[in-house]
């Protein structure tokens, strides 16, 4: 049995047991073997126990250490023998499974492509990625309408539509972004998955705040919060609280901003570990600091925003995310008189926006330029870079 075969089987088993769609691959299995991920999430350990017909995590080679609660020791010999041995094939679903198994596999396959596109988004031009995602959305729509008209299928479709919305927003296509986000919410509701509904509504709400529709955005963020409660995972609530903090800051609500940030900080690292679907990456205190920087900048808290920005910027490795953080911080520098520093950051962000054809980044830089003095040394450099857009097909 290969690592990829095991990964596919785990994805299907997780769905069978919890209704959650996961898309681990052979690389993920390798991380378990090497101990890069020392104590896999509970859903994966449960799936492995069921697939391999063992009673305990120790039988898989996973043992909790006496240190942090989310770490453990991997007995690589036991793991390899158990998970990749010949006996595993007897319990894993194969092509001869029942029709329900075929449907499960189809859902995981379609969702897997979506996950790969989502991973590519931060480092690939939206203009190049969008056609592939739109084609995938058409295919997913046909598959769900024809073969997967069930909560799982609509959950898969919601995720694809949400990605399409994100890419449209990055290209500056506001109408398409709103339409796709609305579609993703409708599909999530058909999936009967409250967390997914909340995720999509919150994504639309944050986008509304980002483009200046502040009150509409806050209304949507409040609606998203109504789907969550104390049983919802702490990282999910931390993420939503972070978005709400930026929304409250945008309308100048200091008290609500502070409360939301405190909530996010408290919850972010309460359950450290792997990301929970529909998130691609774990939401940690470092990510809270990213939103904190944005929120405090909107409130004009120069000291707090600068501290948060410098604490987190080195950890932002995705080029587009880093550029967005740079231009937001440049806005703060501009309004507090640090014109040259603001222009330097704006030039760096604009270079990334041009490289990845991100109209979202370019638009933010243009907006920043209107807030700067008409003439200054660094502003002239930024002007030259902006003028260059008109000769590079990104006006």
Protein backbone atom coordinates (compact mmCIF):
# COMPACT_ATOMS: atom_id res chain seq x y z
CA UNK A 1 0.00 0.00 0.00
CA UNK A 2 1.46 3.36 -1.01
CA UNK A 3 1.39 6.53 1.06
CA UNK A 4 -1.02 8.17 -1.38
CA UNK A 5 -3.38 5.19 -1.21
CA UNK A 6 -3.37 5.45 2.55
CA UNK A 7 -3.97 9.21 2.39
CA UNK A 8 -6.95 8.71 0.07
CA UNK A 9 -8.37 6.06 2.38
CA UNK A 10 -7.98 8.30 5.43
CA UNK A 11 -9.79 11.16 3.66
CA UNK A 12 -12.72 8.90 2.84
CA UNK A 13 -12.82 7.43 6.35
CA UNK A 14 -12.80 10.86 8.01
CA UNK A 15 -15.79 11.81 5.90
CA UNK A 16 -17.62 8.58 6.76
CA UNK A 17 -17.07 9.14 10.47
CA UNK A 18 -17.65 12.89 10.75
CA UNK A 19 -18.99 14.33 7.50
CA UNK A 20 -15.84 16.47 7.27
CA UNK A 21 -13.97 16.70 3.97
CA UNK A 22 -10.20 16.44 4.30
CA UNK A 23 -7.55 16.23 1.61
CA UNK A 24 -4.33 14.95 3.10
CA UNK A 25 -1.83 13.49 0.63
CA UNK A 26 1.31 11.35 0.52
CA UNK A 27 3.38 14.28 1.76
CA UNK A 28 1.19 14.45 4.87
CA UNK A 29 1.68 10.75 5.55
CA UNK A 30 5.42 11.31 5.23
CA UNK A 31 5.28 14.02 7.89
CA UNK A 32 3.65 11.55 10.28
CA UNK A 33 6.38 9.01 9.57
CA UNK A 34 9.21 11.47 10.13
CA UNK A 35 7.64 13.03 13.18
CA UNK A 36 7.31 16.48 11.56
CA UNK A 37 3.71 16.23 12.75
CA UNK A 38 4.18 14.48 16.05
CA UNK A 39 0.59 14.01 17.20
CA UNK A 40 -1.91 13.99 14.31
CA UNK A 41 -5.35 15.50 14.79
CA UNK A 42 -7.89 13.28 16.53
CA UNK A 43 -9.94 12.80 13.35
CA UNK A 44 -6.93 11.33 11.53
CA UNK A 45 -5.95 9.02 14.37
CA UNK A 46 -9.55 7.77 14.60
CA UNK A 47 -9.65 7.16 10.86
CA UNK A 48 -6.38 5.23 10.96
CA UNK A 49 -7.57 3.09 13.86
CA UNK A 50 -10.75 2.23 11.97
CA UNK A 51 -9.00 1.54 8.69
CA UNK A 52 -6.26 -0.57 10.18
CA UNK A 53 -8.38 -2.31 12.80
CA UNK A 54 -6.26 -1.38 15.79
CA UNK A 55 -7.48 -0.40 19.24
CA UNK A 56 -5.15 2.37 20.34
CA UNK A 57 -3.01 5.19 19.02
CA UNK A 58 -0.02 3.37 20.48
CA UNK A 59 -0.72 0.52 18.06
CA UNK A 60 -0.21 3.05 15.27
CA UNK A 61 3.08 4.20 16.73
CA UNK A 62 1.76 7.46 18.18
CA UNK A 63 2.39 8.13 21.85
CA UNK A 64 1.77 11.30 23.78
CA UNK A 65 4.85 12.85 25.31
CA UNK A 66 4.72 14.20 28.84
CA UNK A 67 5.21 17.73 27.55
CA UNK A 68 2.76 19.83 25.60
CA UNK A 69 -0.64 18.33 25.11
CA UNK A 70 -0.48 18.57 21.32
CA UNK A 71 2.83 16.79 20.90
CA UNK A 72 3.72 13.12 20.88
CA UNK A 73 6.41 10.69 19.91
CA UNK A 74 6.23 8.74 16.67
CA UNK A 75 7.54 5.19 16.73
CA UNK A 76 8.47 5.19 13.05
CA UNK A 77 9.04 1.45 12.90
CA UNK A 78 5.59 0.73 14.30
CA UNK A 79 3.96 3.37 12.11
CA UNK A 80 5.53 2.06 8.93
CA UNK A 81 4.79 -1.55 9.78
CA UNK A 82 1.19 -0.81 10.69
CA UNK A 83 0.14 1.69 8.05
CA UNK A 84 2.14 0.59 5.05
CA UNK A 85 2.09 -3.15 5.64
CA UNK A 86 0.39 -5.69 3.45
CA UNK A 87 -2.37 -6.26 5.99
CA UNK A 88 -3.68 -2.74 5.52
CA UNK A 89 -5.15 -3.47 2.13
CA UNK A 90 -7.83 -5.69 3.58
CA UNK A 91 -9.55 -2.87 5.42
CA UNK A 92 -9.19 0.02 2.98
CA UNK A 93 -11.94 0.86 0.55
CA UNK A 94 -11.10 -0.11 -3.02
CA UNK A 95 -12.62 0.41 -6.42
CA UNK A 96 -15.03 -2.46 -5.85
CA UNK A 97 -16.81 -0.69 -3.02
CA UNK A 98 -20.51 -0.06 -2.77
CA UNK A 99 -22.10 2.91 -4.60
CA UNK A 100 -21.92 5.02 -1.43
CA UNK A 101 -18.18 4.47 -1.38
CA UNK A 102 -17.96 5.66 -4.98
CA UNK A 103 -19.80 8.85 -4.05
CA UNK A 104 -17.50 9.42 -1.10
CA UNK A 105 -14.44 8.97 -3.29
CA UNK A 106 -15.86 11.32 -5.92
CA UNK A 107 -16.47 14.03 -3.34
CA UNK A 108 -12.95 13.67 -1.95
CA UNK A 109 -11.47 13.77 -5.46
CA UNK A 110 -13.29 16.98 -6.41
CA UNK A 111 -12.48 18.57 -3.06
CA UNK A 112 -8.84 17.54 -3.40
CA UNK A 113 -8.43 19.59 -6.57
CA UNK A 114 -9.95 22.58 -4.79
CA UNK A 115 -7.46 22.22 -1.95
CA UNK A 116 -4.56 22.18 -4.38
CA UNK A 117 -5.82 25.34 -6.06
CA UNK A 118 -6.22 27.01 -2.67
CA UNK A 119 -2.63 26.20 -1.79
CA UNK A 120 -1.49 27.71 -5.09
CA UNK A 121 -3.43 30.94 -4.63
CA UNK A 122 -0.91 32.73 -2.44
CA UNK A 123 1.97 32.24 -4.87
CA UNK A 124 0.29 32.19 -8.31
CA UNK A 125 -1.24 35.06 -10.26
CA UNK A 126 -5.02 35.16 -9.87
CA UNK A 127 -5.30 35.88 -13.59
CA UNK A 128 -3.58 32.60 -14.34
CA UNK A 129 -5.31 30.56 -11.65
CA UNK A 130 -8.84 31.90 -12.14
CA UNK A 131 -9.55 30.17 -15.49
CA UNK A 132 -8.60 26.81 -14.01
CA UNK A 133 -10.77 27.42 -10.94
CA UNK A 134 -13.72 28.57 -13.05
CA UNK A 135 -13.42 25.40 -15.10
CA UNK A 136 -13.25 23.37 -11.91
CA UNK A 137 -16.34 25.17 -10.61
CA UNK A 138 -18.27 24.26 -13.76
CA UNK A 139 -17.15 20.64 -13.44
CA UNK A 140 -18.01 20.52 -9.72
CA UNK A 141 -21.44 21.98 -10.45
CA UNK A 142 -22.13 19.26 -13.03
CA UNK A 143 -20.87 16.52 -10.71
CA UNK A 144 -22.93 17.73 -7.74
CA UNK A 145 -26.09 18.28 -9.76
CA UNK A 146 -25.76 14.88 -11.45
CA UNK A 147 -24.25 12.58 -8.83
CA UNK A 148 -23.78 14.30 -5.47
CA UNK A 149 -27.00 16.13 -4.64
CA UNK A 150 -26.41 15.69 -0.92
CA UNK A 151 -24.85 17.72 1.91
CA UNK A 152 -21.37 16.48 1.07
CA UNK A 153 -21.66 17.50 -2.56
CA UNK A 154 -22.96 20.96 -1.74
CA UNK A 155 -20.16 21.40 0.78
CA UNK A 156 -17.63 20.64 -1.95
CA UNK A 157 -19.36 23.09 -4.29
CA UNK A 158 -19.44 25.81 -1.64
CA UNK A 159 -15.69 25.60 -1.19
CA UNK A 160 -15.02 25.91 -4.93
CA UNK A 161 -17.37 28.90 -5.23
CA UNK A 162 -15.66 30.55 -2.26
CA UNK A 163 -12.26 30.18 -3.90
CA UNK A 164 -13.64 31.63 -7.12
CA UNK A 165 -14.95 34.60 -5.13
CA UNK A 166 -11.57 35.16 -3.49
CA UNK A 167 -9.78 35.15 -6.85
CA UNK A 168 -12.34 37.55 -8.35
CA UNK A 169 -11.76 39.90 -5.42
CA UNK A 170 -8.02 39.73 -6.00
CA UNK A 171 -8.55 40.62 -9.66
CA UNK A 172 -10.71 43.59 -8.70
CA UNK A 173 -13.88 42.05 -10.17
CA UNK A 174 -16.27 43.13 -7.42
CA UNK A 175 -19.47 41.99 -9.11
CA UNK A 176 -18.20 38.46 -9.68
CA UNK A 177 -16.76 38.28 -6.17
CA UNK A 178 -20.10 39.18 -4.58
CA UNK A 179 -21.98 36.77 -6.81
CA UNK A 180 -19.63 33.87 -6.11
CA UNK A 181 -19.64 34.53 -2.36
CA UNK A 182 -23.43 34.56 -2.43
CA UNK A 183 -23.39 31.24 -4.29
CA UNK A 184 -20.95 29.77 -1.78
CA UNK A 185 -23.24 30.73 1.11
CA UNK A 186 -26.25 29.18 -0.61
CA UNK A 187 -24.37 25.94 -1.24
CA UNK A 188 -23.09 25.88 2.35
CA UNK A 189 -26.66 26.21 3.61
CA UNK A 190 -27.65 23.26 1.40
CA UNK A 191 -24.73 21.36 2.91
CA UNK A 192 -26.33 21.87 6.34
CA UNK A 193 -22.90 22.66 7.78
CA UNK A 194 -23.12 25.64 10.19
CA UNK A 195 -19.37 26.19 10.37
CA UNK A 196 -19.09 26.32 6.57
CA UNK A 197 -22.02 28.73 6.37
CA UNK A 198 -20.38 30.96 8.96
CA UNK A 199 -17.04 30.80 7.13
CA UNK A 200 -18.54 31.90 3.81
CA UNK A 201 -20.73 34.63 5.29
CA UNK A 202 -17.77 35.98 7.26
CA UNK A 203 -15.59 35.92 4.14
CA UNK A 204 -18.17 38.01 2.29
CA UNK A 205 -18.53 40.32 5.28
CA UNK A 206 -14.80 40.93 5.53
CA UNK A 207 -14.64 41.57 1.79
CA UNK A 208 -17.40 44.14 2.17
CA UNK A 209 -15.38 45.89 4.88
CA UNK A 210 -12.31 45.75 2.68
CA UNK A 211 -14.00 47.53 -0.23
CA UNK A 212 -15.58 50.16 2.01
CA UNK A 213 -19.09 48.80 2.59
CA UNK A 214 -18.53 48.98 6.32
CA UNK A 215 -21.99 48.66 7.81
CA UNK A 216 -23.01 45.95 5.37
CA UNK A 217 -19.82 44.09 6.24
CA UNK A 218 -20.41 44.34 9.98
CA UNK A 219 -23.96 43.10 9.51
CA UNK A 220 -22.68 40.05 7.64
CA UNK A 221 -19.98 39.39 10.25
CA UNK A 222 -22.63 39.50 12.96
CA UNK A 223 -24.74 37.06 11.00
CA UNK A 224 -21.73 34.75 10.66
CA UNK A 225 -21.22 34.85 14.43
CA UNK A 226 -24.79 33.67 15.00
CA UNK A 227 -23.85 30.24 13.58
CA UNK A 228 -21.13 29.69 16.18
CA UNK A 229 -21.32 28.93 19.89
CA UNK A 230 -19.09 27.73 22.72
CA UNK A 231 -18.91 24.28 21.15
CA UNK A 232 -17.26 25.68 18.03
CA UNK A 233 -13.51 25.15 17.91
CA UNK A 234 -11.46 27.98 19.48
CA UNK A 235 -9.43 28.68 16.29
CA UNK A 236 -12.64 29.20 14.30
CA UNK A 237 -13.95 31.67 16.86
CA UNK A 238 -10.56 33.39 17.02
CA UNK A 239 -10.59 33.86 13.25
CA UNK A 240 -14.07 35.37 13.24
CA UNK A 241 -13.27 37.62 16.20
CA UNK A 242 -10.21 38.89 14.33
CA UNK A 243 -12.31 39.76 11.29
CA UNK A 244 -14.87 41.49 13.51
CA UNK A 245 -12.10 43.51 15.17
CA UNK A 246 -11.07 44.96 11.82
CA UNK A 247 -14.72 45.69 10.96
CA UNK A 248 -15.33 47.47 14.26
CA UNK A 249 -12.11 49.44 13.87
CA UNK A 250 -13.16 50.56 10.40
CA UNK A 251 -16.19 52.35 11.88
CA UNK A 252 -14.18 53.73 14.81
CA UNK A 253 -15.66 51.51 17.51
CA UNK A 254 -12.74 51.30 19.96
CA UNK A 255 -14.53 49.30 22.64
CA UNK A 256 -15.81 46.57 20.30
CA UNK A 257 -12.44 46.38 18.56
CA UNK A 258 -10.61 45.87 21.84
CA UNK A 259 -13.09 43.24 22.99
CA UNK A 260 -12.86 41.30 19.74
CA UNK A 261 -9.05 41.37 19.76
CA UNK A 262 -8.94 40.12 23.34
CA UNK A 263 -11.28 37.28 22.44
CA UNK A 264 -9.14 36.33 19.45
CA UNK A 265 -5.92 36.41 21.47
CA UNK A 266 -7.46 34.24 24.17
CA UNK A 267 -8.76 31.61 21.77
CA UNK A 268 -6.09 31.45 19.07
CA UNK A 269 -3.66 28.97 20.63
CA UNK A 270 -6.10 27.13 22.85
CA UNK A 271 -6.10 24.15 20.48
CA UNK A 272 -2.76 24.31 18.65
CA UNK A 273 -2.14 21.84 15.88
CA UNK A 274 -3.32 21.27 12.35
CA UNK A 275 -5.78 23.43 10.46
CA UNK A 276 -9.46 22.60 10.71
CA UNK A 277 -11.49 22.46 7.49
CA UNK A 278 -12.54 24.76 5.84
CA UNK A 279 -9.35 26.59 6.84
CA UNK A 280 -6.19 25.69 4.95
CA UNK A 281 -3.75 26.67 7.67
CA UNK A 282 -3.88 26.69 11.45
CA UNK A 283 -5.10 29.99 12.88
CA UNK A 284 -2.54 30.96 15.50
CA UNK A 285 -1.69 33.96 17.65
CA UNK A 286 0.68 35.12 14.90
CA UNK A 287 -2.28 35.42 12.53
CA UNK A 288 -4.25 37.28 15.20
CA UNK A 289 -1.37 39.78 15.35
CA UNK A 290 -1.76 40.34 11.60
CA UNK A 291 -5.39 41.38 12.06
CA UNK A 292 -4.50 43.29 15.21
CA UNK A 293 -2.06 45.39 13.22
CA UNK A 294 -4.74 46.17 10.66
CA UNK A 295 -7.39 46.98 13.28
CA UNK A 296 -5.14 49.23 15.36
CA UNK A 297 -3.95 51.05 12.26
CA UNK A 298 -7.56 51.80 11.33
CA UNK A 299 -8.06 53.21 14.83
CA UNK A 300 -4.95 55.37 14.49
CA UNK A 301 -3.12 53.58 17.31
CA UNK A 302 0.36 54.12 15.91
CA UNK A 303 2.33 52.48 18.73
CA UNK A 304 0.12 49.39 18.94
CA UNK A 305 -0.14 48.92 15.18
CA UNK A 306 3.61 49.29 14.63
CA UNK A 307 4.37 46.83 17.41
CA UNK A 308 1.94 44.25 16.03
CA UNK A 309 3.19 44.72 12.46
CA UNK A 310 6.87 44.28 13.31
CA UNK A 311 6.04 41.25 15.47
CA UNK A 312 4.35 39.42 12.63
CA UNK A 313 5.67 40.67 9.27
CA UNK A 314 8.70 38.36 9.25
CA UNK A 315 6.38 35.37 9.65
CA UNK A 316 4.24 36.27 6.62
CA UNK A 317 5.86 34.22 3.88
CA UNK A 318 3.08 34.26 1.26
CA UNK A 319 3.97 37.12 -1.12
CA UNK A 320 0.48 38.54 -1.61
CA UNK A 321 -0.40 38.40 2.07
CA UNK A 322 2.87 40.12 2.92
CA UNK A 323 2.22 42.86 0.36
CA UNK A 324 -1.24 43.51 1.80
CA UNK A 325 0.26 43.83 5.28
CA UNK A 326 2.91 46.19 3.92
CA UNK A 327 0.49 48.54 2.21
CA UNK A 328 -1.83 48.62 5.23
CA UNK A 329 1.11 49.56 7.44
CA UNK A 330 2.19 52.14 4.87
CA UNK A 331 -1.20 53.83 5.28
CA UNK A 332 -0.51 54.21 8.98
CA UNK A 333 2.96 55.59 8.33
CA UNK A 334 1.58 58.04 5.78
CA UNK A 335 -1.01 59.59 8.09
CA UNK A 336 1.54 59.93 10.88
CA UNK A 337 4.11 61.75 8.77
CA UNK A 338 6.54 58.97 7.88
CA UNK A 339 6.19 59.63 4.17
CA UNK A 340 9.43 58.15 2.89
CA UNK A 341 9.02 54.96 4.88
CA UNK A 342 5.43 54.65 3.68
CA UNK A 343 6.49 55.08 0.05
CA UNK A 344 9.24 52.48 0.39
CA UNK A 345 6.77 49.90 1.70
CA UNK A 346 4.24 50.87 -0.96
CA UNK A 347 6.80 50.35 -3.72
CA UNK A 348 7.60 46.88 -2.39
CA UNK A 349 3.91 46.00 -2.17
CA UNK A 350 3.25 47.35 -5.66
CA UNK A 351 6.05 45.23 -7.10
CA UNK A 352 4.34 42.15 -5.66
CA UNK A 353 0.96 43.32 -6.94
CA UNK A 354 2.39 43.67 -10.44
CA UNK A 355 4.19 40.32 -10.28
CA UNK A 356 1.04 38.45 -9.27
CA UNK A 357 -1.44 40.63 -11.19
CA UNK A 358 -3.26 41.42 -7.94
CA UNK A 359 -5.58 44.34 -8.54
CA UNK A 360 -6.48 44.20 -4.85
CA UNK A 361 -2.90 45.16 -3.93
CA UNK A 362 -2.54 47.69 -6.76
CA UNK A 363 -5.78 49.44 -5.78
CA UNK A 364 -4.65 49.75 -2.16
CA UNK A 365 -1.37 51.31 -3.29
CA UNK A 366 -3.21 53.76 -5.53
CA UNK A 367 -5.44 54.75 -2.62
CA UNK A 368 -2.38 55.26 -0.44
CA UNK A 369 -0.77 57.52 -3.03
CA UNK A 370 -3.73 59.91 -2.84
CA UNK A 371 -3.01 60.38 0.86
CA UNK A 372 0.65 61.34 0.34
CA UNK A 373 2.11 64.81 -0.39
CA UNK A 374 2.08 65.76 -4.09
CA UNK A 375 5.86 65.80 -4.30
CA UNK A 376 8.66 64.13 -2.33
CA UNK A 377 11.70 62.04 -3.13
CA UNK A 378 10.21 58.62 -2.40
CA UNK A 379 6.77 59.64 -3.65
CA UNK A 380 8.30 60.38 -7.03
CA UNK A 381 9.67 56.84 -7.16
CA UNK A 382 6.23 55.46 -6.31
CA UNK A 383 4.68 57.67 -9.00
CA UNK A 384 7.07 56.26 -11.58
CA UNK A 385 6.12 52.73 -10.57
CA UNK A 386 2.41 53.53 -10.79
CA UNK A 387 2.81 55.20 -14.18
CA UNK A 388 4.58 52.06 -15.34
CA UNK A 389 1.36 50.11 -14.82
CA UNK A 390 -0.16 51.78 -17.84
CA UNK A 391 2.52 50.35 -20.06
CA UNK A 392 2.29 46.87 -18.56
CA UNK A 393 -1.36 46.01 -19.12
CA UNK A 394 -2.49 46.57 -15.53
CA UNK A 395 -4.23 49.95 -15.55
